[in-house]
Amino acid sequence: MTTIEKSVDVQAPVRTAYNQWTQFESFPKFMEGVDRIEQTTATRTHWHTTIGGVTREFDAEITEQHPDERVAWRSVSGPKQSGVVTFHRIDDATTRVHLQMEFEPENLTEKAGAALGVVGHRVQGDLGRFKEFIEHRGTETGGWRGEVDRSPQQGESRMASRGGSPAQSVPPQGDPDFAGEHTSSTFANEPAPEGPDESVPNNPAGMDRNRRNPL
């Protein structure tokens, strides 16, 4: 497995940076090689990518997600990979976005690219374009403030709420027609934080099953 760690400082509050990262369908705007992402369930996405002339499709699952802190994921089909993005408050208007991911190169070209740092360079470029995207807009396109707790059983995740009520959608500033917020989680290998939590039914009243939000 190849491990990559990159970070970027974004001139945006941690809430804004985090909210934007939960909008997976916007990833093609700043991620090289990502053609399209479809939200299939609250915690699963279907990816269409073209990298090095090779077109692929695969599914990814959010394994852990906590607002303004982290989003973890793993692939459940296609190339084996996992990762976690964490959000660190520098000050009221600055956030450090840190990405750590592991992947398994599938062929000689990918192995050579990993050895030469090509993938790491692309990831750093993606973070730089994310910075430009959110700083240019000045606000997020949407967001999801729900939680996904990592289950004690390996490979499982569960939607959760704090304080006994389902996670609520909160419209971002400047988007009065915002339809709902969502949360995503990437591959994480850390246990869920200690503290009370309650499982939420698969389709609790008032909770969208997808993360689509109007631009």
C-alpha atoms as a PDB file:
ATOM      1  CA  MET A   1       0.000   0.000   0.000  1.00  0.00           C
ATOM      2  CA  THR A   2       1.124   3.548  -0.738  1.00  0.00           C
ATOM      3  CA  THR A   3       0.417   6.287   1.808  1.00  0.00           C
ATOM      4  CA  ILE A   4       0.027   9.973   0.978  1.00  0.00           C
ATOM      5  CA  GLU A   5      -0.362  12.893   3.388  1.00  0.00           C
ATOM      6  CA  LYS A   6      -0.979  16.444   2.178  1.00  0.00           C
ATOM      7  CA  SER A   7      -2.497  19.595   3.648  1.00  0.00           C
ATOM      8  CA  VAL A   8      -3.512  23.108   2.663  1.00  0.00           C
ATOM      9  CA  ASP A   9      -4.503  26.221   4.614  1.00  0.00           C
ATOM     10  CA  VAL A  10      -7.816  27.628   3.410  1.00  0.00           C
ATOM     11  CA  GLN A  11      -8.994  31.179   4.056  1.00  0.00           C
ATOM     12  CA  ALA A  12     -12.411  30.085   5.271  1.00  0.00           C
ATOM     13  CA  PRO A  13     -13.956  29.197   8.642  1.00  0.00           C
ATOM     14  CA  VAL A  14     -13.712  25.531   9.580  1.00  0.00           C
ATOM     15  CA  ARG A  15     -17.487  25.124   9.213  1.00  0.00           C
ATOM     16  CA  THR A  16     -17.402  26.451   5.654  1.00  0.00           C
ATOM     17  CA  ALA A  17     -14.472  24.261   4.619  1.00  0.00           C
ATOM     18  CA  TYR A  18     -16.023  21.175   6.171  1.00  0.00           C
ATOM     19  CA  ASN A  19     -19.468  21.802   4.686  1.00  0.00           C
ATOM     20  CA  GLN A  20     -18.033  22.136   1.199  1.00  0.00           C
ATOM     21  CA  TRP A  21     -16.108  18.883   1.510  1.00  0.00           C
ATOM     22  CA  THR A  22     -19.362  17.019   2.204  1.00  0.00           C
ATOM     23  CA  GLN A  23     -20.671  18.052  -1.228  1.00  0.00           C
ATOM     24  CA  PHE A  24     -19.192  15.130  -3.143  1.00  0.00           C
ATOM     25  CA  GLU A  25     -20.874  15.949  -6.429  1.00  0.00           C
ATOM     26  CA  SER A  26     -18.818  19.166  -6.555  1.00  0.00           C
ATOM     27  CA  PHE A  27     -15.499  17.250  -6.455  1.00  0.00           C
ATOM     28  CA  PRO A  28     -15.062  17.251 -10.263  1.00  0.00           C
ATOM     29  CA  LYS A  29     -14.757  21.040 -10.048  1.00  0.00           C
ATOM     30  CA  PHE A  30     -11.392  20.743  -8.284  1.00  0.00           C
ATOM     31  CA  MET A  31     -10.241  17.100  -8.390  1.00  0.00           C
ATOM     32  CA  GLU A  32      -8.116  16.105 -11.364  1.00  0.00           C
ATOM     33  CA  GLY A  33      -9.331  12.973 -13.109  1.00  0.00           C
ATOM     34  CA  VAL A  34     -12.732  12.864 -11.390  1.00  0.00           C
ATOM     35  CA  ASP A  35     -15.411  12.989 -14.084  1.00  0.00           C
ATOM     36  CA  ARG A  36     -18.555  12.488 -12.029  1.00  0.00           C
ATOM     37  CA  ILE A  37     -19.707  11.401  -8.577  1.00  0.00           C
ATOM     38  CA  GLU A  38     -23.191  10.098  -7.858  1.00  0.00           C
ATOM     39  CA  GLN A  39     -24.634   9.923  -4.348  1.00  0.00           C
ATOM     40  CA  THR A  40     -26.361   6.529  -4.171  1.00  0.00           C
ATOM     41  CA  THR A  41     -27.211   6.431  -0.443  1.00  0.00           C
ATOM     42  CA  ALA A  42     -26.522   8.650   2.554  1.00  0.00           C
ATOM     43  CA  THR A  43     -23.126   6.982   3.009  1.00  0.00           C
ATOM     44  CA  ARG A  44     -22.257   5.637  -0.448  1.00  0.00           C
ATOM     45  CA  THR A  45     -21.049   7.252  -3.663  1.00  0.00           C
ATOM     46  CA  HIS A  46     -20.352   5.983  -7.178  1.00  0.00           C
ATOM     47  CA  TRP A  47     -17.263   7.475  -8.833  1.00  0.00           C
ATOM     48  CA  HIS A  48     -16.385   7.898 -12.511  1.00  0.00           C
ATOM     49  CA  THR A  49     -12.698   8.698 -13.070  1.00  0.00           C
ATOM     50  CA  THR A  50     -10.252   9.021 -15.952  1.00  0.00           C
ATOM     51  CA  ILE A  51      -6.610   8.979 -14.873  1.00  0.00           C
ATOM     52  CA  GLY A  52      -3.672   8.368 -17.195  1.00  0.00           C
ATOM     53  CA  GLY A  53      -6.080   7.560 -20.000  1.00  0.00           C
ATOM     54  CA  VAL A  54      -7.712   4.779 -17.968  1.00  0.00           C
ATOM     55  CA  THR A  55     -11.428   5.119 -17.211  1.00  0.00           C
ATOM     56  CA  ARG A  56     -12.741   3.477 -14.058  1.00  0.00           C
ATOM     57  CA  GLU A  57     -15.889   3.298 -11.961  1.00  0.00           C
ATOM     58  CA  PHE A  58     -15.993   2.324  -8.309  1.00  0.00           C
ATOM     59  CA  ASP A  59     -18.073   2.672  -5.169  1.00  0.00           C
ATOM     60  CA  ALA A  60     -16.928   4.302  -1.935  1.00  0.00           C
ATOM     61  CA  GLU A  61     -18.417   4.247   1.540  1.00  0.00           C
ATOM     62  CA  ILE A  62     -18.330   6.878   4.263  1.00  0.00           C
ATOM     63  CA  THR A  63     -17.104   5.056   7.354  1.00  0.00           C
ATOM     64  CA  GLU A  64     -16.919   7.955   9.806  1.00  0.00           C
ATOM     65  CA  GLN A  65     -17.960  11.579   9.765  1.00  0.00           C
ATOM     66  CA  HIS A  66     -18.117  14.257  12.448  1.00  0.00           C
ATOM     67  CA  PRO A  67     -19.025  17.875  11.619  1.00  0.00           C
ATOM     68  CA  ASP A  68     -16.098  20.304  11.447  1.00  0.00           C
ATOM     69  CA  GLU A  69     -13.672  17.507  12.375  1.00  0.00           C
ATOM     70  CA  ARG A  70     -13.298  14.614   9.948  1.00  0.00           C
ATOM     71  CA  VAL A  71     -14.632  12.673   6.982  1.00  0.00           C
ATOM     72  CA  ALA A  72     -13.348   9.116   6.413  1.00  0.00           C
ATOM     73  CA  TRP A  73     -14.016   6.746   3.510  1.00  0.00           C
ATOM     74  CA  ARG A  74     -13.016   3.472   1.876  1.00  0.00           C
ATOM     75  CA  SER A  75     -13.612   1.884  -1.499  1.00  0.00           C
ATOM     76  CA  VAL A  76     -16.018  -1.040  -1.603  1.00  0.00           C
ATOM     77  CA  SER A  77     -15.390  -1.913  -5.249  1.00  0.00           C
ATOM     78  CA  GLY A  78     -12.668  -1.237  -7.781  1.00  0.00           C
ATOM     79  CA  PRO A  79      -9.193  -0.009  -6.758  1.00  0.00           C
ATOM     80  CA  LYS A  80      -8.422  -0.606  -3.085  1.00  0.00           C
ATOM     81  CA  GLN A  81      -8.091   2.690  -1.248  1.00  0.00           C
ATOM     82  CA  SER A  82      -9.069   4.454   1.938  1.00  0.00           C
ATOM     83  CA  GLY A  83      -8.570   7.861   3.479  1.00  0.00           C
ATOM     84  CA  VAL A  84      -9.520  10.514   5.974  1.00  0.00           C
ATOM     85  CA  VAL A  85      -9.770  14.291   5.714  1.00  0.00           C
ATOM     86  CA  THR A  86      -9.499  16.317   8.925  1.00  0.00           C
ATOM     87  CA  PHE A  87     -10.245  19.989   9.519  1.00  0.00           C
ATOM     88  CA  HIS A  88      -8.179  22.088  11.939  1.00  0.00           C
ATOM     89  CA  ARG A  89      -9.086  25.605  13.051  1.00  0.00           C
ATOM     90  CA  ILE A  90      -6.137  27.985  12.704  1.00  0.00           C
ATOM     91  CA  ASP A  91      -8.205  31.062  13.544  1.00  0.00           C
ATOM     92  CA  ASP A  92     -11.752  32.281  12.922  1.00  0.00           C
ATOM     93  CA  ALA A  93     -11.095  32.721   9.207  1.00  0.00           C
ATOM     94  CA  THR A  94      -8.477  30.046   8.457  1.00  0.00           C
ATOM     95  CA  THR A  95      -8.717  26.253   8.334  1.00  0.00           C
ATOM     96  CA  ARG A  96      -6.053  23.634   7.704  1.00  0.00           C
ATOM     97  CA  VAL A  97      -7.402  20.776   5.601  1.00  0.00           C
ATOM     98  CA  HIS A  98      -5.301  17.632   6.038  1.00  0.00           C
ATOM     99  CA  LEU A  99      -5.755  14.579   3.823  1.00  0.00           C
ATOM    100  CA  GLN A 100      -4.287  11.144   4.466  1.00  0.00           C
ATOM    101  CA  MET A 101      -4.965   8.260   2.106  1.00  0.00           C
ATOM    102  CA  GLU A 102      -3.741   4.775   1.306  1.00  0.00           C
ATOM    103  CA  PHE A 103      -4.101   3.060  -2.037  1.00  0.00           C
ATOM    104  CA  GLU A 104      -2.841  -0.027  -3.799  1.00  0.00           C
ATOM    105  CA  PRO A 105      -1.415   0.598  -7.296  1.00  0.00           C
ATOM    106  CA  GLU A 106      -2.948  -1.862  -9.746  1.00  0.00           C
ATOM    107  CA  ASN A 107      -0.419  -1.929 -12.580  1.00  0.00           C
ATOM    108  CA  LEU A 108       3.175  -1.029 -13.430  1.00  0.00           C
ATOM    109  CA  THR A 109       2.228   2.467 -14.552  1.00  0.00           C
ATOM    110  CA  GLU A 110       0.482   3.201 -11.262  1.00  0.00           C
ATOM    111  CA  LYS A 111       3.346   1.692  -9.268  1.00  0.00           C
ATOM    112  CA  ALA A 112       5.831   3.867 -11.137  1.00  0.00           C
ATOM    113  CA  GLY A 113       3.637   6.917 -10.614  1.00  0.00           C
ATOM    114  CA  ALA A 114       3.428   6.236  -6.888  1.00  0.00           C
ATOM    115  CA  ALA A 115       7.202   5.774  -6.657  1.00  0.00           C
ATOM    116  CA  LEU A 116       7.834   9.038  -8.507  1.00  0.00           C
ATOM    117  CA  GLY A 117       5.379  11.006  -6.387  1.00  0.00           C
ATOM    118  CA  VAL A 118       2.952  11.656  -9.239  1.00  0.00           C
ATOM    119  CA  VAL A 119      -0.105  10.786  -7.161  1.00  0.00           C
ATOM    120  CA  GLY A 120       1.050  12.918  -4.246  1.00  0.00           C
ATOM    121  CA  HIS A 121       1.552  15.849  -6.604  1.00  0.00           C
ATOM    122  CA  ARG A 122      -1.961  15.384  -7.984  1.00  0.00           C
ATOM    123  CA  VAL A 123      -3.470  15.241  -4.487  1.00  0.00           C
ATOM    124  CA  GLN A 124      -1.663  18.441  -3.514  1.00  0.00           C
ATOM    125  CA  GLY A 125      -3.030  20.032  -6.673  1.00  0.00           C
ATOM    126  CA  ASP A 126      -6.543  18.898  -5.773  1.00  0.00           C
ATOM    127  CA  LEU A 127      -6.248  20.528  -2.351  1.00  0.00           C
ATOM    128  CA  GLY A 128      -4.937  23.713  -3.944  1.00  0.00           C
ATOM    129  CA  ARG A 129      -7.899  23.831  -6.317  1.00  0.00           C
ATOM    130  CA  PHE A 130     -10.277  23.176  -3.401  1.00  0.00           C
ATOM    131  CA  LYS A 131      -8.726  26.202  -1.671  1.00  0.00           C
ATOM    132  CA  GLU A 132      -9.228  28.345  -4.774  1.00  0.00           C
ATOM    133  CA  PHE A 133     -12.788  27.074  -5.211  1.00  0.00           C
ATOM    134  CA  ILE A 134     -13.999  27.884  -1.700  1.00  0.00           C
ATOM    135  CA  GLU A 135     -12.051  31.142  -1.373  1.00  0.00           C
ATOM    136  CA  HIS A 136     -13.402  32.394  -4.701  1.00  0.00           C
ATOM    137  CA  ARG A 137     -16.994  31.572  -3.735  1.00  0.00           C
ATOM    138  CA  GLY A 138     -16.682  32.923  -0.215  1.00  0.00           C
ATOM    139  CA  THR A 139     -19.247  30.396   1.019  1.00  0.00           C
ATOM    140  CA  GLU A 140     -20.056  26.720   0.683  1.00  0.00           C
ATOM    141  CA  THR A 141     -22.422  25.356  -1.973  1.00  0.00           C
ATOM    142  CA  GLY A 142     -24.138  23.295   0.731  1.00  0.00           C
ATOM    143  CA  GLY A 143     -23.303  20.971   3.578  1.00  0.00           C
ATOM    144  CA  TRP A 144     -24.446  18.083   5.729  1.00  0.00           C
ATOM    145  CA  ARG A 145     -24.237  18.384   9.521  1.00  0.00           C
ATOM    146  CA  GLY A 146     -25.220  14.819  10.364  1.00  0.00           C
ATOM    147  CA  GLU A 147     -22.830  12.245  11.798  1.00  0.00           C
ATOM    148  CA  VAL A 148     -21.622   8.811  10.789  1.00  0.00           C
ATOM    149  CA  ASP A 149     -20.115   6.811  13.630  1.00  0.00           C
ATOM    150  CA  ARG A 150     -17.702   4.011  12.936  1.00  0.00           C
ATOM    151  CA  SER A 151     -19.226   0.743  14.060  1.00  0.00           C
ATOM    152  CA  PRO A 152     -17.275  -1.640  16.310  1.00  0.00           C
ATOM    153  CA  GLN A 153     -17.769  -4.214  13.557  1.00  0.00           C
ATOM    154  CA  GLN A 154     -15.098  -3.717  10.916  1.00  0.00           C
ATOM    155  CA  GLY A 155     -16.400  -2.332   7.671  1.00  0.00           C
ATOM    156  CA  GLU A 156     -19.685  -1.076   9.057  1.00  0.00           C
ATOM    157  CA  SER A 157     -20.827   2.455   9.650  1.00  0.00           C
ATOM    158  CA  ARG A 158     -23.981   3.881  11.145  1.00  0.00           C
ATOM    159  CA  MET A 159     -25.769   7.170  10.996  1.00  0.00           C
ATOM    160  CA  ALA A 160     -25.950   8.720  14.435  1.00  0.00           C
ATOM    161  CA  SER A 161     -27.210  11.755  16.249  1.00  0.00           C
ATOM    162  CA  ARG A 162     -26.138  13.502  19.422  1.00  0.00           C
ATOM    163  CA  GLY A 163     -28.531  14.436  22.196  1.00  0.00           C
ATOM    164  CA  GLY A 164     -31.295  12.094  21.080  1.00  0.00           C
ATOM    165  CA  SER A 165     -32.518  13.901  17.971  1.00  0.00           C
ATOM    166  CA  PRO A 166     -31.727  13.366  14.283  1.00  0.00           C
ATOM    167  CA  ALA A 167     -29.090  15.564  12.655  1.00  0.00           C
ATOM    168  CA  GLN A 168     -30.789  18.652  11.271  1.00  0.00           C
ATOM    169  CA  SER A 169     -30.220  20.448   7.990  1.00  0.00           C
ATOM    170  CA  VAL A 170     -28.965  23.993   8.416  1.00  0.00           C
ATOM    171  CA  PRO A 171     -28.804  26.237   5.329  1.00  0.00           C
ATOM    172  CA  PRO A 172     -25.430  27.883   4.691  1.00  0.00           C
ATOM    173  CA  GLN A 173     -25.277  31.658   4.592  1.00  0.00           C
ATOM    174  CA  GLY A 174     -26.265  33.071   1.234  1.00  0.00           C
ATOM    175  CA  ASP A 175     -28.218  29.957   0.191  1.00  0.00           C
ATOM    176  CA  PRO A 176     -31.812  30.505   1.414  1.00  0.00           C
ATOM    177  CA  ASP A 177     -33.104  27.730  -0.837  1.00  0.00           C
ATOM    178  CA  PHE A 178     -30.657  25.162   0.451  1.00  0.00           C
ATOM    179  CA  ALA A 179     -32.454  21.825   0.668  1.00  0.00           C
ATOM    180  CA  GLY A 180     -30.384  20.002   3.258  1.00  0.00           C
ATOM    181  CA  GLU A 181     -26.964  19.309   4.681  1.00  0.00           C
ATOM    182  CA  HIS A 182     -25.055  16.068   4.490  1.00  0.00           C
ATOM    183  CA  THR A 183     -22.048  14.435   5.962  1.00  0.00           C
ATOM    184  CA  SER A 184     -19.510  12.071   4.500  1.00  0.00           C
ATOM    185  CA  SER A 185     -17.008   9.734   5.999  1.00  0.00           C
ATOM    186  CA  THR A 186     -13.916   8.160   4.492  1.00  0.00           C
ATOM    187  CA  PHE A 187     -11.831   5.266   5.528  1.00  0.00           C
ATOM    188  CA  ALA A 188     -10.788   5.706   9.081  1.00  0.00           C
ATOM    189  CA  ASN A 189      -8.970   3.281  11.305  1.00  0.00           C
ATOM    190  CA  GLU A 190      -9.700   5.034  14.574  1.00  0.00           C
ATOM    191  CA  PRO A 191     -12.485   4.034  16.980  1.00  0.00           C
ATOM    192  CA  ALA A 192     -15.558   6.200  17.299  1.00  0.00           C
ATOM    193  CA  PRO A 193     -15.234   8.872  20.010  1.00  0.00           C
ATOM    194  CA  GLU A 194     -16.451   7.967  23.465  1.00  0.00           C
ATOM    195  CA  GLY A 195     -19.743   9.381  24.667  1.00  0.00           C
ATOM    196  CA  PRO A 196     -23.455   8.747  24.333  1.00  0.00           C
ATOM    197  CA  ASP A 197     -24.850   8.144  20.893  1.00  0.00           C
ATOM    198  CA  GLU A 198     -27.997   6.672  19.444  1.00  0.00           C
ATOM    199  CA  SER A 199     -28.530   4.795  16.246  1.00  0.00           C
ATOM    200  CA  VAL A 200     -30.864   6.529  13.845  1.00  0.00           C
ATOM    201  CA  PRO A 201     -33.249   4.493  11.665  1.00  0.00           C
ATOM    202  CA  ASN A 202     -32.249   4.061   8.035  1.00  0.00           C
ATOM    203  CA  ASN A 203     -34.690   6.734   6.936  1.00  0.00           C
ATOM    204  CA  PRO A 204     -35.616   8.918   9.923  1.00  0.00           C
ATOM    205  CA  ALA A 205     -38.304  11.497   9.324  1.00  0.00           C
ATOM    206  CA  GLY A 206     -36.956  14.694   7.893  1.00  0.00           C
ATOM    207  CA  MET A 207     -33.557  13.320   6.838  1.00  0.00           C
ATOM    208  CA  ASP A 208     -32.566  13.204   3.176  1.00  0.00           C
ATOM    209  CA  ARG A 209     -31.085   9.925   1.988  1.00  0.00           C
ATOM    210  CA  ASN A 210     -28.762  11.699  -0.400  1.00  0.00           C
ATOM    211  CA  ARG A 211     -26.421  14.659  -0.128  1.00  0.00           C
ATOM    212  CA  ARG A 212     -27.495  16.621  -3.133  1.00  0.00           C
ATOM    213  CA  ASN A 213     -27.765  20.339  -2.542  1.00  0.00           C
ATOM    214  CA  PRO A 214     -28.471  23.175  -4.974  1.00  0.00           C
ATOM    215  CA  LEU A 215     -25.504  25.244  -6.097  1.00  0.00           C
END
